[in-house]
N, C-alpha and C. Protein backbone atom coordinates (compact mmCIF):
# COMPACT_ATOMS: atom_id res chain seq x y z
N MET A 1 12.38 -31.63 9.92
CA MET A 1 12.17 -30.20 9.72
C MET A 1 12.59 -29.46 10.99
N LYS A 2 13.36 -28.43 10.82
CA LYS A 2 13.80 -27.63 11.96
C LYS A 2 12.86 -26.45 12.14
N ILE A 3 12.72 -26.01 13.38
CA ILE A 3 11.83 -24.90 13.69
C ILE A 3 12.40 -23.57 13.19
N TYR A 4 13.69 -23.48 13.09
CA TYR A 4 14.29 -22.23 12.63
C TYR A 4 14.65 -22.32 11.16
N THR A 5 14.48 -21.19 10.48
CA THR A 5 14.79 -21.12 9.04
C THR A 5 15.90 -20.13 8.73
N ARG A 6 16.12 -19.21 9.63
CA ARG A 6 17.11 -18.15 9.48
C ARG A 6 16.69 -17.07 8.47
N LYS A 7 15.52 -17.25 7.85
CA LYS A 7 15.07 -16.28 6.86
C LYS A 7 14.74 -14.93 7.48
N GLY A 8 14.37 -14.92 8.73
CA GLY A 8 14.00 -13.68 9.39
C GLY A 8 15.15 -12.97 10.07
N ASP A 9 16.33 -13.51 9.93
CA ASP A 9 17.49 -12.89 10.57
C ASP A 9 17.77 -11.49 10.04
N ASP A 10 17.25 -11.17 8.87
CA ASP A 10 17.46 -9.83 8.30
C ASP A 10 16.38 -8.83 8.73
N GLY A 11 15.50 -9.25 9.65
CA GLY A 11 14.47 -8.34 10.15
C GLY A 11 13.20 -8.34 9.31
N THR A 12 13.07 -9.34 8.43
CA THR A 12 11.85 -9.44 7.63
C THR A 12 11.12 -10.73 7.96
N THR A 13 9.87 -10.81 7.54
CA THR A 13 9.08 -12.02 7.72
C THR A 13 8.23 -12.24 6.48
N GLY A 14 7.89 -13.50 6.24
CA GLY A 14 7.11 -13.84 5.06
C GLY A 14 5.62 -13.69 5.31
N LEU A 15 4.91 -13.31 4.24
CA LEU A 15 3.45 -13.23 4.28
C LEU A 15 2.85 -14.46 3.62
N LEU A 16 1.62 -14.75 3.96
CA LEU A 16 0.89 -15.83 3.33
C LEU A 16 0.74 -15.49 1.84
N TYR A 17 0.94 -16.43 0.97
CA TYR A 17 0.89 -16.25 -0.49
C TYR A 17 2.02 -15.37 -1.01
N GLY A 18 3.10 -15.25 -0.25
CA GLY A 18 4.30 -14.62 -0.75
C GLY A 18 4.51 -13.19 -0.33
N GLY A 19 5.74 -12.79 -0.51
CA GLY A 19 6.17 -11.45 -0.14
C GLY A 19 6.83 -11.45 1.23
N ARG A 20 7.72 -10.51 1.42
CA ARG A 20 8.39 -10.33 2.71
C ARG A 20 8.23 -8.88 3.11
N VAL A 21 8.06 -8.68 4.40
CA VAL A 21 7.88 -7.34 4.95
C VAL A 21 8.71 -7.21 6.21
N PRO A 22 9.02 -5.98 6.62
CA PRO A 22 9.74 -5.80 7.88
C PRO A 22 8.91 -6.36 9.05
N LYS A 23 9.60 -6.97 10.00
CA LYS A 23 8.91 -7.56 11.15
C LYS A 23 8.15 -6.53 11.97
N ASP A 24 8.57 -5.27 11.88
CA ASP A 24 7.85 -4.23 12.62
C ASP A 24 6.85 -3.49 11.74
N GLY A 25 6.53 -4.06 10.59
CA GLY A 25 5.56 -3.46 9.68
C GLY A 25 4.13 -3.63 10.18
N PRO A 26 3.19 -2.99 9.51
CA PRO A 26 1.79 -3.03 9.95
C PRO A 26 1.17 -4.43 10.01
N ALA A 27 1.45 -5.27 9.02
CA ALA A 27 0.84 -6.61 9.03
C ALA A 27 1.37 -7.47 10.18
N PRO A 28 2.70 -7.61 10.35
CA PRO A 28 3.17 -8.39 11.49
C PRO A 28 2.75 -7.80 12.84
N THR A 29 2.64 -6.47 12.91
CA THR A 29 2.16 -5.85 14.14
C THR A 29 0.73 -6.28 14.42
N ALA A 30 -0.10 -6.28 13.37
CA ALA A 30 -1.52 -6.63 13.54
C ALA A 30 -1.69 -8.11 13.88
N TYR A 31 -1.11 -9.00 13.08
CA TYR A 31 -1.33 -10.41 13.39
C TYR A 31 -0.55 -10.84 14.63
N GLY A 32 0.51 -10.12 14.95
CA GLY A 32 1.21 -10.39 16.21
C GLY A 32 0.35 -10.04 17.42
N ALA A 33 -0.39 -8.94 17.32
CA ALA A 33 -1.30 -8.57 18.42
C ALA A 33 -2.43 -9.60 18.55
N VAL A 34 -2.90 -10.13 17.43
CA VAL A 34 -3.93 -11.18 17.49
C VAL A 34 -3.34 -12.44 18.11
N ASP A 35 -2.09 -12.75 17.79
CA ASP A 35 -1.41 -13.89 18.39
C ASP A 35 -1.33 -13.71 19.91
N GLU A 36 -1.01 -12.51 20.35
CA GLU A 36 -0.99 -12.23 21.79
C GLU A 36 -2.38 -12.41 22.40
N ALA A 37 -3.40 -11.94 21.69
CA ALA A 37 -4.78 -12.10 22.18
C ALA A 37 -5.12 -13.58 22.31
N GLN A 38 -4.73 -14.36 21.31
CA GLN A 38 -5.00 -15.80 21.37
C GLN A 38 -4.32 -16.42 22.58
N SER A 39 -3.10 -16.01 22.85
CA SER A 39 -2.38 -16.54 24.01
C SER A 39 -3.04 -16.11 25.32
N ALA A 40 -3.48 -14.85 25.39
CA ALA A 40 -4.16 -14.38 26.60
C ALA A 40 -5.46 -15.15 26.83
N ILE A 41 -6.18 -15.43 25.77
CA ILE A 41 -7.40 -16.23 25.88
C ILE A 41 -7.04 -17.64 26.31
N GLY A 42 -5.92 -18.15 25.81
CA GLY A 42 -5.45 -19.47 26.22
C GLY A 42 -5.14 -19.54 27.71
N VAL A 43 -4.59 -18.47 28.26
CA VAL A 43 -4.32 -18.44 29.71
C VAL A 43 -5.64 -18.51 30.47
N ALA A 44 -6.63 -17.76 30.02
CA ALA A 44 -7.95 -17.81 30.68
C ALA A 44 -8.55 -19.21 30.55
N ARG A 45 -8.41 -19.82 29.39
CA ARG A 45 -8.95 -21.18 29.19
C ARG A 45 -8.23 -22.18 30.08
N ALA A 46 -6.91 -22.04 30.23
CA ALA A 46 -6.15 -22.93 31.10
C ALA A 46 -6.63 -22.81 32.54
N GLU A 47 -6.94 -21.60 32.96
CA GLU A 47 -7.44 -21.40 34.32
C GLU A 47 -8.81 -22.08 34.49
N VAL A 48 -9.66 -21.93 33.49
CA VAL A 48 -10.98 -22.58 33.54
C VAL A 48 -10.82 -24.09 33.55
N ASN A 49 -9.90 -24.60 32.73
CA ASN A 49 -9.69 -26.05 32.62
C ASN A 49 -8.93 -26.64 33.80
N ALA A 50 -8.44 -25.79 34.71
CA ALA A 50 -7.71 -26.28 35.86
C ALA A 50 -8.62 -26.97 36.88
N ASP A 51 -9.91 -26.97 36.63
CA ASP A 51 -10.87 -27.63 37.51
C ASP A 51 -10.49 -29.10 37.64
N PRO A 52 -10.34 -29.61 38.88
CA PRO A 52 -9.94 -31.00 39.07
C PRO A 52 -10.89 -32.00 38.43
N ALA A 53 -12.12 -31.60 38.15
CA ALA A 53 -13.07 -32.51 37.52
C ALA A 53 -12.64 -32.86 36.10
N GLY A 54 -11.78 -32.03 35.50
CA GLY A 54 -11.21 -32.32 34.21
C GLY A 54 -12.06 -31.90 33.02
N SER A 55 -13.24 -31.44 33.24
CA SER A 55 -14.10 -31.03 32.14
C SER A 55 -13.91 -29.55 31.86
N PRO A 56 -13.70 -29.19 30.59
CA PRO A 56 -13.49 -27.78 30.28
C PRO A 56 -14.74 -26.94 30.48
N GLY A 57 -15.90 -27.55 30.47
CA GLY A 57 -17.14 -26.81 30.67
C GLY A 57 -17.45 -25.88 29.51
N GLU A 58 -18.55 -25.20 29.65
CA GLU A 58 -19.04 -24.33 28.58
C GLU A 58 -18.07 -23.20 28.26
N LEU A 59 -17.56 -22.52 29.28
CA LEU A 59 -16.65 -21.41 29.03
C LEU A 59 -15.38 -21.88 28.34
N GLY A 60 -14.83 -23.00 28.76
CA GLY A 60 -13.63 -23.54 28.12
C GLY A 60 -13.87 -23.84 26.65
N GLN A 61 -15.04 -24.37 26.33
CA GLN A 61 -15.37 -24.67 24.93
C GLN A 61 -15.52 -23.39 24.12
N ILE A 62 -16.16 -22.38 24.70
CA ILE A 62 -16.30 -21.09 24.01
C ILE A 62 -14.92 -20.51 23.70
N LEU A 63 -14.04 -20.51 24.69
CA LEU A 63 -12.71 -19.93 24.50
C LEU A 63 -11.90 -20.71 23.48
N LEU A 64 -12.01 -22.03 23.48
CA LEU A 64 -11.29 -22.84 22.51
C LEU A 64 -11.77 -22.51 21.09
N GLY A 65 -13.07 -22.35 20.91
CA GLY A 65 -13.60 -21.97 19.60
C GLY A 65 -13.07 -20.63 19.13
N ILE A 66 -12.97 -19.68 20.06
CA ILE A 66 -12.43 -18.36 19.72
C ILE A 66 -10.97 -18.48 19.32
N GLU A 67 -10.20 -19.26 20.08
CA GLU A 67 -8.79 -19.43 19.74
C GLU A 67 -8.62 -20.00 18.33
N ARG A 68 -9.48 -20.92 17.96
CA ARG A 68 -9.40 -21.49 16.61
C ARG A 68 -9.78 -20.45 15.56
N ASP A 69 -10.79 -19.63 15.85
CA ASP A 69 -11.16 -18.55 14.92
C ASP A 69 -10.01 -17.58 14.71
N LEU A 70 -9.23 -17.35 15.75
CA LEU A 70 -8.15 -16.38 15.63
C LEU A 70 -7.06 -16.83 14.66
N TRP A 71 -6.93 -18.14 14.43
CA TRP A 71 -5.99 -18.61 13.40
C TRP A 71 -6.45 -18.10 12.04
N VAL A 72 -7.76 -18.13 11.81
CA VAL A 72 -8.32 -17.64 10.55
C VAL A 72 -8.01 -16.16 10.40
N LEU A 73 -8.25 -15.41 11.46
CA LEU A 73 -8.02 -13.97 11.43
C LEU A 73 -6.54 -13.65 11.19
N MET A 74 -5.64 -14.39 11.85
CA MET A 74 -4.21 -14.14 11.65
C MET A 74 -3.81 -14.42 10.21
N ALA A 75 -4.37 -15.46 9.61
CA ALA A 75 -4.05 -15.76 8.20
C ALA A 75 -4.48 -14.60 7.32
N GLU A 76 -5.67 -14.06 7.58
CA GLU A 76 -6.15 -12.94 6.77
C GLU A 76 -5.24 -11.72 6.92
N LEU A 77 -4.86 -11.41 8.14
CA LEU A 77 -4.01 -10.25 8.38
C LEU A 77 -2.59 -10.45 7.87
N ALA A 78 -2.17 -11.72 7.71
CA ALA A 78 -0.82 -12.03 7.22
C ALA A 78 -0.78 -12.14 5.70
N THR A 79 -1.83 -11.69 5.05
CA THR A 79 -1.91 -11.75 3.59
C THR A 79 -1.95 -10.34 3.02
N ASP A 80 -1.07 -10.07 2.06
CA ASP A 80 -1.08 -8.77 1.39
C ASP A 80 -2.43 -8.56 0.71
N ALA A 81 -2.89 -7.32 0.70
CA ALA A 81 -4.19 -7.00 0.10
C ALA A 81 -4.29 -7.50 -1.34
N ALA A 82 -3.19 -7.50 -2.07
CA ALA A 82 -3.20 -7.95 -3.47
C ALA A 82 -3.53 -9.44 -3.58
N ASN A 83 -3.33 -10.21 -2.52
CA ASN A 83 -3.60 -11.64 -2.52
C ASN A 83 -4.88 -12.00 -1.75
N HIS A 84 -5.63 -11.02 -1.35
CA HIS A 84 -6.83 -11.24 -0.53
C HIS A 84 -7.81 -12.20 -1.20
N ALA A 85 -7.92 -12.15 -2.52
CA ALA A 85 -8.86 -13.01 -3.24
C ALA A 85 -8.49 -14.48 -3.15
N LYS A 86 -7.27 -14.79 -2.77
CA LYS A 86 -6.82 -16.18 -2.65
C LYS A 86 -7.27 -16.82 -1.34
N LEU A 87 -7.75 -16.03 -0.40
CA LEU A 87 -8.14 -16.56 0.91
C LEU A 87 -9.42 -17.39 0.81
N THR A 88 -9.55 -18.33 1.73
CA THR A 88 -10.70 -19.23 1.76
C THR A 88 -11.57 -18.90 2.96
N ALA A 89 -12.84 -18.63 2.69
CA ALA A 89 -13.79 -18.26 3.74
C ALA A 89 -13.80 -19.32 4.84
N GLY A 90 -13.66 -18.85 6.08
CA GLY A 90 -13.70 -19.72 7.24
C GLY A 90 -12.41 -20.45 7.54
N GLN A 91 -11.46 -20.44 6.60
CA GLN A 91 -10.18 -21.09 6.82
C GLN A 91 -9.03 -20.09 6.90
N SER A 92 -9.10 -19.06 6.05
CA SER A 92 -8.07 -18.02 6.08
C SER A 92 -8.70 -16.65 5.88
N LEU A 93 -10.02 -16.60 5.93
CA LEU A 93 -10.77 -15.36 5.74
C LEU A 93 -11.94 -15.33 6.71
N VAL A 94 -12.02 -14.28 7.51
CA VAL A 94 -13.13 -14.13 8.47
C VAL A 94 -14.41 -13.91 7.68
N THR A 95 -15.48 -14.57 8.11
CA THR A 95 -16.76 -14.51 7.41
C THR A 95 -17.80 -13.76 8.24
N PRO A 96 -18.85 -13.31 7.58
CA PRO A 96 -19.95 -12.68 8.32
C PRO A 96 -20.56 -13.64 9.35
N ASP A 97 -20.57 -14.93 9.04
CA ASP A 97 -21.12 -15.91 9.98
C ASP A 97 -20.28 -15.99 11.26
N MET A 98 -18.98 -15.79 11.13
CA MET A 98 -18.12 -15.81 12.32
C MET A 98 -18.45 -14.63 13.22
N VAL A 99 -18.71 -13.47 12.62
CA VAL A 99 -19.10 -12.28 13.39
C VAL A 99 -20.47 -12.51 14.02
N ALA A 100 -21.40 -13.05 13.25
CA ALA A 100 -22.76 -13.32 13.75
C ALA A 100 -22.73 -14.32 14.90
N ALA A 101 -21.83 -15.30 14.84
CA ALA A 101 -21.72 -16.28 15.92
C ALA A 101 -21.29 -15.60 17.22
N LEU A 102 -20.38 -14.63 17.14
CA LEU A 102 -19.98 -13.90 18.34
C LEU A 102 -21.16 -13.09 18.89
N GLU A 103 -21.91 -12.45 18.00
CA GLU A 103 -23.07 -11.68 18.45
C GLU A 103 -24.08 -12.58 19.14
N ALA A 104 -24.31 -13.78 18.60
CA ALA A 104 -25.25 -14.71 19.21
C ALA A 104 -24.77 -15.14 20.60
N LEU A 105 -23.46 -15.37 20.74
CA LEU A 105 -22.91 -15.72 22.05
C LEU A 105 -23.07 -14.58 23.05
N ILE A 106 -22.80 -13.37 22.59
CA ILE A 106 -22.97 -12.20 23.48
C ILE A 106 -24.41 -12.14 23.97
N ASP A 107 -25.36 -12.27 23.05
CA ASP A 107 -26.77 -12.21 23.42
C ASP A 107 -27.15 -13.33 24.38
N GLU A 108 -26.67 -14.54 24.09
CA GLU A 108 -27.01 -15.70 24.92
C GLU A 108 -26.45 -15.55 26.33
N VAL A 109 -25.18 -15.19 26.42
CA VAL A 109 -24.54 -15.08 27.74
C VAL A 109 -25.12 -13.90 28.52
N SER A 110 -25.31 -12.77 27.87
CA SER A 110 -25.78 -11.59 28.59
C SER A 110 -27.23 -11.73 29.03
N ALA A 111 -27.97 -12.65 28.45
CA ALA A 111 -29.35 -12.88 28.88
C ALA A 111 -29.40 -13.52 30.27
N GLY A 112 -28.28 -14.05 30.73
CA GLY A 112 -28.24 -14.75 32.01
C GLY A 112 -27.89 -13.90 33.21
N PHE A 113 -27.67 -12.61 33.04
CA PHE A 113 -27.33 -11.76 34.18
C PHE A 113 -27.64 -10.31 33.84
N GLU A 114 -27.75 -9.52 34.88
CA GLU A 114 -27.95 -8.07 34.71
C GLU A 114 -26.58 -7.43 34.51
N PRO A 115 -26.37 -6.74 33.40
CA PRO A 115 -25.06 -6.12 33.20
C PRO A 115 -24.84 -4.95 34.16
N PRO A 116 -23.60 -4.70 34.50
CA PRO A 116 -23.31 -3.56 35.37
C PRO A 116 -23.71 -2.25 34.69
N THR A 117 -24.10 -1.30 35.50
CA THR A 117 -24.50 0.01 34.96
C THR A 117 -23.43 1.07 35.21
N GLU A 118 -22.34 0.66 35.84
CA GLU A 118 -21.23 1.57 36.11
C GLU A 118 -19.96 0.97 35.53
N PHE A 119 -18.88 1.75 35.53
CA PHE A 119 -17.61 1.22 35.08
C PHE A 119 -17.23 0.03 35.95
N VAL A 120 -16.57 -0.93 35.34
CA VAL A 120 -16.17 -2.16 36.01
C VAL A 120 -14.70 -2.06 36.38
N VAL A 121 -14.38 -2.43 37.59
CA VAL A 121 -12.99 -2.54 38.02
C VAL A 121 -12.62 -4.02 37.92
N PRO A 122 -11.74 -4.39 36.97
CA PRO A 122 -11.41 -5.80 36.79
C PRO A 122 -10.79 -6.41 38.04
N GLY A 123 -11.00 -7.70 38.22
CA GLY A 123 -10.35 -8.43 39.30
C GLY A 123 -11.29 -9.04 40.31
N GLU A 124 -12.57 -9.07 40.02
CA GLU A 124 -13.52 -9.67 40.97
C GLU A 124 -13.23 -11.16 41.16
N THR A 125 -12.89 -11.84 40.07
CA THR A 125 -12.45 -13.24 40.13
C THR A 125 -11.24 -13.38 39.22
N ARG A 126 -10.47 -14.42 39.42
CA ARG A 126 -9.27 -14.64 38.60
C ARG A 126 -9.64 -14.84 37.13
N VAL A 127 -10.64 -15.67 36.85
CA VAL A 127 -11.01 -15.92 35.46
C VAL A 127 -11.52 -14.64 34.81
N ALA A 128 -12.35 -13.88 35.52
CA ALA A 128 -12.85 -12.62 34.96
C ALA A 128 -11.70 -11.66 34.68
N ALA A 129 -10.74 -11.59 35.57
CA ALA A 129 -9.58 -10.72 35.36
C ALA A 129 -8.78 -11.16 34.13
N LEU A 130 -8.60 -12.46 33.96
CA LEU A 130 -7.88 -12.96 32.79
C LEU A 130 -8.64 -12.66 31.50
N LEU A 131 -9.96 -12.75 31.55
CA LEU A 131 -10.78 -12.40 30.39
C LEU A 131 -10.68 -10.91 30.09
N ASP A 132 -10.60 -10.08 31.12
CA ASP A 132 -10.44 -8.64 30.90
C ASP A 132 -9.07 -8.32 30.30
N VAL A 133 -8.04 -9.03 30.72
CA VAL A 133 -6.72 -8.83 30.10
C VAL A 133 -6.80 -9.21 28.62
N ALA A 134 -7.41 -10.35 28.33
CA ALA A 134 -7.57 -10.77 26.93
C ALA A 134 -8.36 -9.73 26.14
N ARG A 135 -9.39 -9.16 26.75
CA ARG A 135 -10.19 -8.13 26.08
C ARG A 135 -9.34 -6.93 25.71
N THR A 136 -8.47 -6.50 26.60
CA THR A 136 -7.65 -5.33 26.29
C THR A 136 -6.64 -5.63 25.19
N VAL A 137 -6.14 -6.86 25.16
CA VAL A 137 -5.22 -7.24 24.08
C VAL A 137 -5.97 -7.27 22.75
N VAL A 138 -7.21 -7.75 22.77
CA VAL A 138 -8.03 -7.76 21.55
C VAL A 138 -8.28 -6.33 21.08
N ARG A 139 -8.54 -5.41 22.00
CA ARG A 139 -8.74 -4.01 21.61
C ARG A 139 -7.50 -3.44 20.92
N ARG A 140 -6.33 -3.79 21.44
CA ARG A 140 -5.09 -3.34 20.79
C ARG A 140 -4.95 -3.97 19.41
N ALA A 141 -5.26 -5.26 19.32
CA ALA A 141 -5.20 -5.94 18.03
C ALA A 141 -6.14 -5.27 17.02
N GLU A 142 -7.30 -4.86 17.50
CA GLU A 142 -8.25 -4.17 16.62
C GLU A 142 -7.64 -2.86 16.11
N ARG A 143 -7.03 -2.09 17.01
CA ARG A 143 -6.41 -0.83 16.58
C ARG A 143 -5.29 -1.09 15.57
N ASP A 144 -4.48 -2.13 15.83
CA ASP A 144 -3.37 -2.45 14.93
C ASP A 144 -3.87 -2.96 13.58
N ALA A 145 -4.98 -3.68 13.58
CA ALA A 145 -5.51 -4.26 12.35
C ALA A 145 -6.09 -3.22 11.40
N VAL A 146 -6.44 -2.06 11.92
CA VAL A 146 -7.00 -1.00 11.06
C VAL A 146 -6.04 -0.69 9.91
N ALA A 147 -4.76 -0.74 10.16
CA ALA A 147 -3.76 -0.38 9.14
C ALA A 147 -3.69 -1.38 7.99
N VAL A 148 -4.14 -2.62 8.19
CA VAL A 148 -3.97 -3.63 7.15
C VAL A 148 -5.26 -4.31 6.72
N ALA A 149 -6.34 -4.10 7.43
CA ALA A 149 -7.59 -4.77 7.07
C ALA A 149 -8.07 -4.27 5.71
N VAL A 150 -8.51 -5.19 4.89
CA VAL A 150 -9.03 -4.86 3.57
C VAL A 150 -10.41 -4.23 3.75
N PRO A 151 -10.69 -3.10 3.10
CA PRO A 151 -12.01 -2.48 3.23
C PRO A 151 -13.13 -3.47 2.89
N GLY A 152 -14.14 -3.50 3.73
CA GLY A 152 -15.27 -4.39 3.52
C GLY A 152 -15.08 -5.79 4.08
N ALA A 153 -13.88 -6.10 4.54
CA ALA A 153 -13.63 -7.41 5.14
C ALA A 153 -14.22 -7.46 6.54
N TYR A 154 -14.23 -8.62 7.14
CA TYR A 154 -14.86 -8.80 8.45
C TYR A 154 -13.86 -8.94 9.60
N ALA A 155 -12.59 -8.69 9.33
CA ALA A 155 -11.58 -8.79 10.39
C ALA A 155 -11.85 -7.79 11.51
N LEU A 156 -12.10 -6.54 11.15
CA LEU A 156 -12.33 -5.52 12.18
C LEU A 156 -13.64 -5.75 12.94
N PRO A 157 -14.76 -6.03 12.27
CA PRO A 157 -15.97 -6.34 13.03
C PRO A 157 -15.79 -7.55 13.96
N TYR A 158 -15.03 -8.55 13.48
CA TYR A 158 -14.80 -9.72 14.33
C TYR A 158 -14.08 -9.31 15.62
N LEU A 159 -13.00 -8.55 15.48
CA LEU A 159 -12.26 -8.11 16.67
C LEU A 159 -13.12 -7.24 17.59
N ASN A 160 -13.93 -6.38 16.99
CA ASN A 160 -14.80 -5.52 17.79
C ASN A 160 -15.78 -6.36 18.60
N ARG A 161 -16.42 -7.33 17.96
CA ARG A 161 -17.37 -8.19 18.68
C ARG A 161 -16.67 -9.07 19.70
N LEU A 162 -15.46 -9.52 19.35
CA LEU A 162 -14.72 -10.38 20.27
C LEU A 162 -14.44 -9.65 21.58
N SER A 163 -14.04 -8.40 21.51
CA SER A 163 -13.79 -7.66 22.76
C SER A 163 -15.09 -7.51 23.55
N ASP A 164 -16.22 -7.30 22.85
CA ASP A 164 -17.50 -7.25 23.55
C ASP A 164 -17.84 -8.59 24.21
N LEU A 165 -17.57 -9.68 23.50
CA LEU A 165 -17.84 -11.00 24.06
C LEU A 165 -16.97 -11.25 25.29
N LEU A 166 -15.70 -10.92 25.21
CA LEU A 166 -14.82 -11.14 26.36
C LEU A 166 -15.26 -10.32 27.56
N TRP A 167 -15.71 -9.08 27.32
CA TRP A 167 -16.25 -8.26 28.42
C TRP A 167 -17.46 -8.97 29.03
N THR A 168 -18.34 -9.47 28.18
CA THR A 168 -19.56 -10.15 28.64
C THR A 168 -19.21 -11.41 29.42
N LEU A 169 -18.26 -12.20 28.90
CA LEU A 169 -17.86 -13.42 29.60
C LEU A 169 -17.24 -13.09 30.96
N ALA A 170 -16.47 -12.03 31.03
CA ALA A 170 -15.86 -11.63 32.30
C ALA A 170 -16.93 -11.25 33.32
N ARG A 171 -17.93 -10.51 32.89
CA ARG A 171 -19.00 -10.11 33.82
C ARG A 171 -19.77 -11.34 34.27
N TRP A 172 -20.01 -12.28 33.36
CA TRP A 172 -20.69 -13.53 33.70
C TRP A 172 -19.91 -14.28 34.77
N GLN A 173 -18.58 -14.30 34.63
CA GLN A 173 -17.75 -15.04 35.57
C GLN A 173 -17.62 -14.36 36.93
N GLU A 174 -17.99 -13.11 37.00
CA GLU A 174 -17.91 -12.39 38.28
C GLU A 174 -19.01 -12.80 39.25
N GLY A 175 -19.93 -13.62 38.79
CA GLY A 175 -20.94 -14.12 39.71
C GLY A 175 -22.25 -13.38 39.68
N SER A 176 -22.44 -12.52 38.68
CA SER A 176 -23.70 -11.81 38.58
C SER A 176 -24.74 -12.63 37.84
N SER A 177 -24.43 -13.91 37.64
CA SER A 177 -25.31 -14.77 36.87
C SER A 177 -26.66 -14.95 37.57
N LEU A 178 -27.70 -15.07 36.76
CA LEU A 178 -29.02 -15.35 37.28
C LEU A 178 -29.26 -16.86 37.30
N ALA A 179 -28.17 -17.62 37.27
CA ALA A 179 -28.20 -19.08 37.33
C ALA A 179 -28.84 -19.70 36.10
N THR A 180 -28.91 -18.98 35.00
CA THR A 180 -29.44 -19.59 33.79
C THR A 180 -28.31 -20.27 33.01
N ARG A 181 -27.07 -20.04 33.42
CA ARG A 181 -25.92 -20.67 32.77
C ARG A 181 -24.98 -21.15 33.86
N GLN A 182 -24.37 -22.27 33.62
CA GLN A 182 -23.40 -22.80 34.57
C GLN A 182 -22.09 -23.07 33.84
N VAL A 183 -20.99 -22.88 34.54
CA VAL A 183 -19.68 -23.17 33.95
C VAL A 183 -19.37 -24.63 34.22
């Protein structure tokens, strides 16, 4: 199997469960932004995993789980609304449990430090800065997804919570921890 198909040479791309749309259309824009977010999170995870001890630690595991969730979200956004009923919860459709899991992580991580009360200037640590970059990409993905998210679906709440989680993880990594969590 070759990686190239030549099908997109005309400026279109295929959707999950059929159909072709312009590459600059709302759906490819939305799932493309999520793909960028996944890559930005991957860069942060690579930095965390660069520890010579070789263990990804808690933060690395959290980020890997998020990256896997984003495949589900991209599948949902890459599906025309007419085919939304064909999606499988947790595999190609974001679920309420996925959103609730992000909320639980936010609560758990934020319990370990006092959050800042003023605006944050990113860059206190390299990992925190990478998490902040990922957060901004997620915010853009959220804005782009508004155009294609099916009403009542959980894609938008997931992206909203994800940006909150990334903000929380970045603050945790800046060293404001009360030592209740270790990386």
